[in-house]
C-alpha atoms as a PDB file:
ATOM      1  CA  SER A   1       0.354  -0.184   0.126  1.00  0.00           C
ATOM      2  CA  GLY A   2       0.778   3.693  -0.281  1.00  0.00           C
ATOM      3  CA  VAL A   3       0.479   4.442   3.457  1.00  0.00           C
ATOM      4  CA  LYS A   4       3.684   5.161   5.246  1.00  0.00           C
ATOM      5  CA  PRO A   5       4.457   3.499   8.002  1.00  0.00           C
ATOM      6  CA  SER A   6       4.253   6.252  10.588  1.00  0.00           C
ATOM      7  CA  VAL A   7       0.945   6.868   9.487  1.00  0.00           C
ATOM      8  CA  THR A   8       0.009   2.899   9.493  1.00  0.00           C
ATOM      9  CA  LEU A   9       1.815   3.129  13.278  1.00  0.00           C
ATOM     10  CA  TYR A  10      -0.843   6.116  14.248  1.00  0.00           C
ATOM     11  CA  GLN A  11      -3.303   4.390  13.170  1.00  0.00           C
ATOM     12  CA  ARG A  12      -2.764   1.236  15.059  1.00  0.00           C
ATOM     13  CA  LEU A  13      -2.216   3.354  18.522  1.00  0.00           C
ATOM     14  CA  LEU A  14      -5.279   5.185  17.456  1.00  0.00           C
ATOM     15  CA  ALA A  15      -7.318   1.726  17.411  1.00  0.00           C
ATOM     16  CA  GLY A  16      -5.365   0.643  20.809  1.00  0.00           C
ATOM     17  CA  ASP A  17      -4.025  -1.793  18.387  1.00  0.00           C
ATOM     18  CA  GLU A  18      -0.963  -2.090  20.881  1.00  0.00           C
ATOM     19  CA  ASN A  19       0.470  -5.793  19.563  1.00  0.00           C
ATOM     20  CA  GLU A  20       0.002  -4.532  15.783  1.00  0.00           C
ATOM     21  CA  ALA A  21       2.199  -1.248  16.682  1.00  0.00           C
ATOM     22  CA  ALA A  22       4.930  -3.441  18.793  1.00  0.00           C
ATOM     23  CA  ASP A  23       4.954  -5.698  15.433  1.00  0.00           C
ATOM     24  CA  LEU A  24       5.528  -2.527  12.806  1.00  0.00           C
ATOM     25  CA  MET A  25       8.124  -1.418  15.887  1.00  0.00           C
ATOM     26  CA  THR A  26       9.833  -4.751  15.423  1.00  0.00           C
ATOM     27  CA  GLU A  27       9.676  -4.910  11.717  1.00  0.00           C
ATOM     28  CA  ALA A  28      11.104  -1.463  11.398  1.00  0.00           C
ATOM     29  CA  VAL A  29      14.344  -2.056  13.358  1.00  0.00           C
ATOM     30  CA  LYS A  30      14.755  -5.520  12.212  1.00  0.00           C
ATOM     31  CA  ALA A  31      14.544  -3.885   8.419  1.00  0.00           C
ATOM     32  CA  SER A  32      16.887  -1.027   9.414  1.00  0.00           C
ATOM     33  CA  SER A  33      18.027   0.038  13.013  1.00  0.00           C
ATOM     34  CA  LEU A  34      16.741   1.338  16.197  1.00  0.00           C
ATOM     35  CA  GLU A  35      17.834   4.926  15.240  1.00  0.00           C
ATOM     36  CA  THR A  36      15.999   4.566  11.947  1.00  0.00           C
ATOM     37  CA  ALA A  37      12.872   3.243  13.131  1.00  0.00           C
ATOM     38  CA  PHE A  38      12.359   6.204  15.481  1.00  0.00           C
ATOM     39  CA  ASP A  39      13.300   8.998  12.997  1.00  0.00           C
ATOM     40  CA  THR A  40      10.914   7.509  10.274  1.00  0.00           C
ATOM     41  CA  LEU A  41       8.521   5.716  12.225  1.00  0.00           C
ATOM     42  CA  VAL A  42       7.890   6.484  15.375  1.00  0.00           C
ATOM     43  CA  LEU A  43       8.733  10.368  15.873  1.00  0.00           C
ATOM     44  CA  PRO A  44       6.568  10.985  12.817  1.00  0.00           C
ATOM     45  CA  ALA A  45       3.731   9.203  14.292  1.00  0.00           C
ATOM     46  CA  LEU A  46       3.997  11.343  18.028  1.00  0.00           C
ATOM     47  CA  ALA A  47       4.241  14.275  15.855  1.00  0.00           C
ATOM     48  CA  ARG A  48       1.051  13.443  14.463  1.00  0.00           C
ATOM     49  CA  ALA A  49      -0.689  12.770  17.513  1.00  0.00           C
ATOM     50  CA  ARG A  50       0.506  16.259  18.722  1.00  0.00           C
ATOM     51  CA  ARG A  51      -0.789  17.752  15.672  1.00  0.00           C
ATOM     52  CA  ASP A  52      -4.343  15.813  16.141  1.00  0.00           C
ATOM     53  CA  ARG A  53      -4.454  16.872  19.551  1.00  0.00           C
ATOM     54  CA  LEU A  54      -3.946  20.974  19.143  1.00  0.00           C
ATOM     55  CA  ALA A  55      -6.294  20.590  16.288  1.00  0.00           C
ATOM     56  CA  ARG A  56      -8.888  18.743  19.132  1.00  0.00           C
ATOM     57  CA  GLN A  57      -9.133  16.211  16.782  1.00  0.00           C
ATOM     58  CA  LEU A  58      -8.224  13.891  20.085  1.00  0.00           C
ATOM     59  CA  SER A  59      -9.158  13.900  22.954  1.00  0.00           C
ATOM     60  CA  ARG A  60      -6.714  14.347  26.117  1.00  0.00           C
ATOM     61  CA  ALA A  61      -7.446  10.820  26.885  1.00  0.00           C
ATOM     62  CA  GLU A  62      -7.072   9.750  23.579  1.00  0.00           C
ATOM     63  CA  TYR A  63      -3.903  11.585  23.489  1.00  0.00           C
ATOM     64  CA  ALA A  64      -2.390  10.226  26.522  1.00  0.00           C
ATOM     65  CA  ARG A  65      -2.656   6.855  25.745  1.00  0.00           C
ATOM     66  CA  ILE A  66      -1.113   7.140  22.485  1.00  0.00           C
ATOM     67  CA  VAL A  67       2.105   8.699  24.291  1.00  0.00           C
ATOM     68  CA  GLU A  68       1.706   5.885  26.893  1.00  0.00           C
ATOM     69  CA  VAL A  69       1.867   3.206  24.417  1.00  0.00           C
ATOM     70  CA  THR A  70       4.205   4.765  22.165  1.00  0.00           C
ATOM     71  CA  ARG A  71       6.541   5.444  25.685  1.00  0.00           C
ATOM     72  CA  LYS A  72       6.398   1.563  25.962  1.00  0.00           C
ATOM     73  CA  LEU A  73       7.011   0.445  22.776  1.00  0.00           C
ATOM     74  CA  VAL A  74      10.433   2.951  23.006  1.00  0.00           C
ATOM     75  CA  GLU A  75      11.391   1.466  26.360  1.00  0.00           C
ATOM     76  CA  TYR A  76      10.585  -2.365  25.647  1.00  0.00           C
ATOM     77  CA  GLN A  77      11.783  -2.511  22.078  1.00  0.00           C
ATOM     78  CA  PRO A  78      14.339  -4.761  21.651  1.00  0.00           C
ATOM     79  CA  GLY A  79      17.886  -3.220  19.734  1.00  0.00           C
ATOM     80  CA  ASP A  80      19.296  -3.786  16.757  1.00  0.00           C
ATOM     81  CA  SER A  81      22.626  -5.127  17.856  1.00  0.00           C
ATOM     82  CA  PRO A  82      23.936  -8.813  17.288  1.00  0.00           C
ATOM     83  CA  SER A  83      24.721  -8.926  20.873  1.00  0.00           C
ATOM     84  CA  GLY A  84      21.554  -8.262  22.259  1.00  0.00           C
ATOM     85  CA  SER A  85      23.165  -5.075  24.855  1.00  0.00           C
ATOM     86  CA  GLU A  86      21.332  -2.613  22.417  1.00  0.00           C
ATOM     87  CA  GLY A  87      20.051   0.213  24.992  1.00  0.00           C
ATOM     88  CA  ALA A  88      21.996  -1.329  28.153  1.00  0.00           C
ATOM     89  CA  PRO A  89      25.324   0.818  29.016  1.00  0.00           C
ATOM     90  CA  ASP A  90      28.702  -1.344  29.225  1.00  0.00           C
ATOM     91  CA  GLN A  91      28.699  -2.088  33.151  1.00  0.00           C
ATOM     92  CA  ASN A  92      32.107  -1.466  33.566  1.00  0.00           C
ATOM     93  CA  ALA A  93      32.103   1.707  32.072  1.00  0.00           C
ATOM     94  CA  ALA A  94      31.465   5.153  34.024  1.00  0.00           C
ATOM     95  CA  ALA A  95      28.131   6.188  32.700  1.00  0.00           C
ATOM     96  CA  THR A  96      27.885   9.745  31.703  1.00  0.00           C
ATOM     97  CA  VAL A  97      24.890  11.285  32.892  1.00  0.00           C
ATOM     98  CA  VAL A  98      22.570  13.336  30.871  1.00  0.00           C
ATOM     99  CA  ALA A  99      19.887  15.679  32.180  1.00  0.00           C
ATOM    100  CA  GLY A 100      16.548  15.062  29.881  1.00  0.00           C
ATOM    101  CA  VAL A 101      14.173  17.908  30.049  1.00  0.00           C
ATOM    102  CA  PRO A 102      10.760  17.943  28.207  1.00  0.00           C
ATOM    103  CA  LEU A 103       9.761  21.326  26.922  1.00  0.00           C
ATOM    104  CA  ARG A 104       6.083  20.505  26.457  1.00  0.00           C
ATOM    105  CA  ASP A 105       4.973  17.103  27.228  1.00  0.00           C
ATOM    106  CA  GLY A 106       4.703  13.445  27.173  1.00  0.00           C
ATOM    107  CA  VAL A 107       5.742  13.697  23.560  1.00  0.00           C
ATOM    108  CA  ASP A 108       9.096  15.415  24.359  1.00  0.00           C
ATOM    109  CA  GLU A 109       9.792  13.152  27.609  1.00  0.00           C
ATOM    110  CA  THR A 110       8.899   9.885  24.760  1.00  0.00           C
ATOM    111  CA  GLY A 111      11.590  11.562  22.609  1.00  0.00           C
ATOM    112  CA  LEU A 112      14.048  11.927  25.165  1.00  0.00           C
ATOM    113  CA  ALA A 113      13.237   8.408  25.992  1.00  0.00           C
ATOM    114  CA  MET A 114      14.260   7.233  22.517  1.00  0.00           C
ATOM    115  CA  LEU A 115      17.702   9.696  22.831  1.00  0.00           C
ATOM    116  CA  GLY A 116      18.477   7.642  26.021  1.00  0.00           C
ATOM    117  CA  ARG A 117      18.101   4.080  24.423  1.00  0.00           C
ATOM    118  CA  LEU A 118      20.364   5.401  21.234  1.00  0.00           C
ATOM    119  CA  LEU A 119      22.795   6.858  23.708  1.00  0.00           C
ATOM    120  CA  ALA A 120      23.036   3.963  26.182  1.00  0.00           C
ATOM    121  CA  PRO A 121      25.248   1.721  24.585  1.00  0.00           C
ATOM    122  CA  ALA A 122      28.046   4.413  24.389  1.00  0.00           C
ATOM    123  CA  ALA A 123      27.980   4.836  28.112  1.00  0.00           C
ATOM    124  CA  PHE A 124      25.514   7.773  28.502  1.00  0.00           C
ATOM    125  CA  LEU A 125      22.179   7.459  31.068  1.00  0.00           C
ATOM    126  CA  VAL A 126      19.722  10.088  30.166  1.00  0.00           C
ATOM    127  CA  HIS A 127      17.491  10.975  33.526  1.00  0.00           C
ATOM    128  CA  VAL A 128      14.459  12.202  31.908  1.00  0.00           C
ATOM    129  CA  VAL A 129      12.505  14.687  34.452  1.00  0.00           C
ATOM    130  CA  PRO A 130       8.800  15.199  34.130  1.00  0.00           C
ATOM    131  CA  PRO A 131       7.136  17.689  32.037  1.00  0.00           C
ATOM    132  CA  GLY A 132       7.001  21.175  33.131  1.00  0.00           C
ATOM    133  CA  PRO A 133       8.597  23.832  34.561  1.00  0.00           C
ATOM    134  CA  PRO A 134      11.772  22.546  36.463  1.00  0.00           C
ATOM    135  CA  SER A 135      11.662  22.876  39.999  1.00  0.00           C
ATOM    136  CA  VAL A 136      14.489  23.265  42.232  1.00  0.00           C
ATOM    137  CA  GLU A 137      13.893  19.765  43.591  1.00  0.00           C
ATOM    138  CA  THR A 138      14.450  18.425  40.181  1.00  0.00           C
ATOM    139  CA  VAL A 139      17.307  20.528  39.592  1.00  0.00           C
ATOM    140  CA  ALA A 140      19.207  19.847  42.914  1.00  0.00           C
ATOM    141  CA  ALA A 141      18.300  15.870  42.173  1.00  0.00           C
ATOM    142  CA  LEU A 142      19.835  16.234  38.656  1.00  0.00           C
ATOM    143  CA  GLN A 143      22.844  17.479  39.954  1.00  0.00           C
ATOM    144  CA  ALA A 144      22.975  15.181  42.792  1.00  0.00           C
ATOM    145  CA  ALA A 145      22.880  12.373  40.179  1.00  0.00           C
ATOM    146  CA  GLY A 146      25.962  14.428  38.693  1.00  0.00           C
ATOM    147  CA  ALA A 147      24.327  15.271  35.215  1.00  0.00           C
ATOM    148  CA  ALA A 148      27.355  16.404  33.226  1.00  0.00           C
ATOM    149  CA  LEU A 149      24.707  18.258  30.683  1.00  0.00           C
ATOM    150  CA  VAL A 150      21.345  19.288  30.196  1.00  0.00           C
ATOM    151  CA  CYS A 151      19.298  18.282  26.945  1.00  0.00           C
ATOM    152  CA  VAL A 152      15.879  19.540  26.330  1.00  0.00           C
ATOM    153  CA  GLY A 153      13.932  17.498  24.034  1.00  0.00           C
ATOM    154  CA  ALA A 154      11.232  19.075  21.664  1.00  0.00           C
ATOM    155  CA  VAL A 155       9.065  16.751  19.259  1.00  0.00           C
ATOM    156  CA  GLY A 156       8.208  18.579  16.107  1.00  0.00           C
ATOM    157  CA  PRO A 157       8.407  22.436  15.351  1.00  0.00           C
ATOM    158  CA  GLY A 158       7.018  25.376  17.688  1.00  0.00           C
ATOM    159  CA  GLY A 159       8.274  26.082  21.234  1.00  0.00           C
ATOM    160  CA  GLY A 160      10.827  28.644  20.462  1.00  0.00           C
ATOM    161  CA  ARG A 161       9.607  30.834  22.965  1.00  0.00           C
ATOM    162  CA  ARG A 162       8.584  28.585  25.924  1.00  0.00           C
ATOM    163  CA  LEU A 163      12.380  26.787  24.618  1.00  0.00           C
ATOM    164  CA  ARG A 164      14.049  30.262  25.293  1.00  0.00           C
ATOM    165  CA  ARG A 165      12.104  30.846  29.022  1.00  0.00           C
ATOM    166  CA  LEU A 166      12.955  26.875  29.846  1.00  0.00           C
ATOM    167  CA  VAL A 167      16.904  27.198  28.791  1.00  0.00           C
ATOM    168  CA  LYS A 168      16.754  30.875  31.003  1.00  0.00           C
ATOM    169  CA  ARG A 169      15.342  28.559  34.226  1.00  0.00           C
ATOM    170  CA  LEU A 170      17.671  26.057  33.677  1.00  0.00           C
ATOM    171  CA  ARG A 171      20.863  28.406  33.617  1.00  0.00           C
ATOM    172  CA  GLU A 172      19.526  30.231  36.450  1.00  0.00           C
ATOM    173  CA  ALA A 173      19.008  27.318  38.725  1.00  0.00           C
ATOM    174  CA  ALA A 174      22.128  24.919  37.439  1.00  0.00           C
ATOM    175  CA  PRO A 175      24.703  27.726  36.339  1.00  0.00           C
ATOM    176  CA  ASP A 176      27.407  24.706  36.320  1.00  0.00           C
ATOM    177  CA  THR A 177      25.719  22.298  33.968  1.00  0.00           C
END
Protein backbone atom coordinates (compact mmCIF):
# COMPACT_ATOMS: atom_id res chain seq x y z
CA SER A 1 0.00 0.00 0.00
CA GLY A 2 1.02 3.63 -0.43
CA VAL A 3 0.48 4.52 3.24
CA LYS A 4 3.59 5.63 5.09
CA PRO A 5 4.62 3.25 7.90
CA SER A 6 4.41 6.14 10.42
CA VAL A 7 0.77 6.70 9.42
CA THR A 8 0.07 2.99 9.83
CA LEU A 9 1.68 3.07 13.29
CA TYR A 10 -0.41 6.10 14.22
CA GLN A 11 -3.58 4.35 13.00
CA ARG A 12 -2.72 1.28 15.10
CA LEU A 13 -2.11 3.51 18.13
CA LEU A 14 -5.44 5.30 17.54
CA ALA A 15 -7.22 1.96 17.29
CA GLY A 16 -5.64 0.80 20.54
CA ASP A 17 -3.94 -2.12 18.79
CA GLU A 18 -0.76 -2.31 20.87
CA ASN A 19 0.26 -5.71 19.50
CA GLU A 20 0.20 -4.61 15.87
CA ALA A 21 1.98 -1.36 16.81
CA ALA A 22 4.69 -3.44 18.50
CA ASP A 23 4.91 -5.68 15.42
CA LEU A 24 5.39 -2.62 13.19
CA MET A 25 8.22 -1.42 15.44
CA THR A 26 9.89 -4.81 15.48
CA GLU A 27 9.72 -5.06 11.67
CA ALA A 28 11.12 -1.54 11.27
CA VAL A 29 14.06 -2.28 13.60
CA LYS A 30 14.81 -5.55 11.80
CA ALA A 31 14.65 -3.82 8.39
CA SER A 32 17.04 -1.03 9.38
CA SER A 33 18.03 -0.02 12.90
CA LEU A 34 16.56 1.24 16.14
CA GLU A 35 17.61 4.80 15.27
CA THR A 36 15.99 4.65 11.83
CA ALA A 37 12.79 3.16 13.30
CA PHE A 38 12.62 6.01 15.82
CA ASP A 39 13.30 8.65 13.13
CA THR A 40 11.01 7.37 10.39
CA LEU A 41 8.25 5.62 12.34
CA VAL A 42 7.88 6.79 15.93
CA LEU A 43 8.73 10.50 15.77
CA PRO A 44 6.38 11.23 12.82
CA ALA A 45 3.57 9.32 14.57
CA LEU A 46 4.11 11.31 17.78
CA ALA A 47 4.24 14.60 15.87
CA ARG A 48 0.95 13.68 14.15
CA ALA A 49 -0.65 12.88 17.52
CA ARG A 50 0.43 16.28 18.87
CA ARG A 51 -0.94 18.06 15.77
CA ASP A 52 -4.24 16.22 16.09
CA ARG A 53 -4.47 17.05 19.80
CA LEU A 54 -3.76 20.74 19.15
CA ALA A 55 -6.46 20.69 16.44
CA ARG A 56 -8.81 19.09 19.01
CA GLN A 57 -9.20 15.98 16.87
CA LEU A 58 -7.99 13.88 19.81
CA SER A 59 -9.27 14.04 23.36
CA ARG A 60 -6.81 14.42 26.22
CA ALA A 61 -7.42 10.79 27.13
CA GLU A 62 -6.75 9.55 23.58
CA TYR A 63 -3.59 11.64 23.35
CA ALA A 64 -2.35 10.43 26.74
CA ARG A 65 -3.02 6.79 25.76
CA ILE A 66 -1.12 7.15 22.47
CA VAL A 67 1.85 8.74 24.24
CA GLU A 68 1.83 6.09 26.97
CA VAL A 69 1.71 3.16 24.53
CA THR A 70 4.41 4.73 22.37
CA ARG A 71 6.61 5.24 25.42
CA LYS A 72 6.22 1.53 26.26
CA LEU A 73 7.18 0.62 22.69
CA VAL A 74 10.28 2.79 22.93
CA GLU A 75 11.36 1.45 26.32
CA TYR A 76 10.82 -2.23 25.59
CA GLN A 77 11.72 -2.46 21.93
CA PRO A 78 14.58 -4.93 21.45
CA GLY A 79 17.69 -3.29 20.10
CA ASP A 80 19.33 -3.97 16.81
CA SER A 81 22.78 -5.00 17.98
CA PRO A 82 23.75 -8.63 17.37
CA SER A 83 24.92 -9.08 20.95
CA GLY A 84 21.52 -8.07 22.30
CA SER A 85 23.11 -5.40 24.48
CA GLU A 86 21.55 -2.42 22.65
CA GLY A 87 20.11 0.02 25.12
CA ALA A 88 22.21 -1.22 28.03
CA PRO A 89 25.39 0.62 28.95
CA ASP A 90 28.60 -1.32 29.42
CA GLN A 91 28.56 -2.25 33.10
CA ASN A 92 32.33 -1.66 33.38
CA ALA A 93 32.18 1.85 31.92
CA ALA A 94 31.33 4.90 33.99
CA ALA A 95 28.18 6.38 32.50
CA THR A 96 28.01 10.05 31.64
CA VAL A 97 24.75 11.35 33.06
CA VAL A 98 22.59 13.50 30.80
CA ALA A 99 19.57 15.33 32.22
CA GLY A 100 16.67 15.14 29.78
CA VAL A 101 14.14 17.96 30.19
CA PRO A 102 11.00 17.76 28.04
CA LEU A 103 9.96 21.12 26.59
CA ARG A 104 6.21 20.56 26.56
CA ASP A 105 4.65 17.21 27.39
CA GLY A 106 4.80 13.43 27.20
CA VAL A 107 5.66 13.47 23.50
CA ASP A 108 8.88 15.35 24.25
CA GLU A 109 9.47 13.05 27.22
CA THR A 110 9.14 10.05 24.89
CA GLY A 111 11.57 11.67 22.46
CA LEU A 112 14.10 11.91 25.29
CA ALA A 113 13.47 8.25 26.16
CA MET A 114 14.41 7.43 22.55
CA LEU A 115 17.59 9.46 22.93
CA GLY A 116 18.35 7.53 26.10
CA ARG A 117 17.95 4.21 24.28
CA LEU A 118 20.27 5.34 21.51
CA LEU A 119 22.95 6.78 23.80
CA ALA A 120 23.01 3.94 26.35
CA PRO A 121 25.43 1.70 24.41
CA ALA A 122 27.94 4.58 24.41
CA ALA A 123 27.80 4.76 28.23
CA PHE A 124 25.44 7.72 28.47
CA LEU A 125 22.64 7.54 31.01
CA VAL A 126 19.74 9.87 30.26
CA HIS A 127 17.65 10.83 33.30
CA VAL A 128 14.36 12.25 32.03
CA VAL A 129 12.50 14.58 34.35
CA PRO A 130 8.71 14.92 34.16
CA PRO A 131 7.32 17.60 31.84
CA GLY A 132 6.73 21.02 33.34
CA PRO A 133 8.85 23.85 34.64
CA PRO A 134 11.98 22.49 36.36
CA SER A 135 11.63 22.84 40.11
CA VAL A 136 14.46 23.53 42.53
CA GLU A 137 14.07 19.93 43.74
CA THR A 138 14.34 18.56 40.19
CA VAL A 139 17.50 20.53 39.47
CA ALA A 140 19.01 19.50 42.84
CA ALA A 141 18.26 15.84 42.09
CA LEU A 142 19.91 16.10 38.67
CA GLN A 143 22.97 17.77 40.16
CA ALA A 144 23.15 15.05 42.84
CA ALA A 145 22.99 12.42 40.09
CA GLY A 146 26.01 14.09 38.51
CA ALA A 147 24.41 15.36 35.32
CA ALA A 148 27.21 16.48 33.01
CA LEU A 149 24.86 18.23 30.64
CA VAL A 150 21.21 19.06 30.07
CA CYS A 151 19.35 18.16 26.90
CA VAL A 152 16.00 19.82 26.26
CA GLY A 153 13.74 17.56 24.24
CA ALA A 154 11.28 18.94 21.70
CA VAL A 155 9.52 16.81 19.10
CA GLY A 156 8.25 18.72 16.09
CA PRO A 157 8.20 22.41 15.29
CA GLY A 158 7.30 25.31 17.53
CA GLY A 159 8.02 26.13 21.12
CA GLY A 160 10.84 28.63 20.52
CA ARG A 161 9.67 31.11 23.13
CA ARG A 162 9.00 28.36 25.67
CA LEU A 163 12.46 26.91 24.93
CA ARG A 164 14.17 30.24 25.62
CA ARG A 165 12.33 30.61 28.95
CA LEU A 166 13.15 27.03 29.95
CA VAL A 167 16.84 27.39 29.12
CA LYS A 168 16.97 30.64 31.08
CA ARG A 169 15.40 28.95 34.14
CA LEU A 170 17.77 25.99 33.84
CA ARG A 171 20.80 28.29 33.61
CA GLU A 172 19.67 30.18 36.70
CA ALA A 173 19.00 26.99 38.65
CA ALA A 174 22.13 25.09 37.57
CA PRO A 175 24.74 27.54 36.25
CA ASP A 176 27.55 24.95 36.34
CA THR A 177 25.73 22.31 34.28
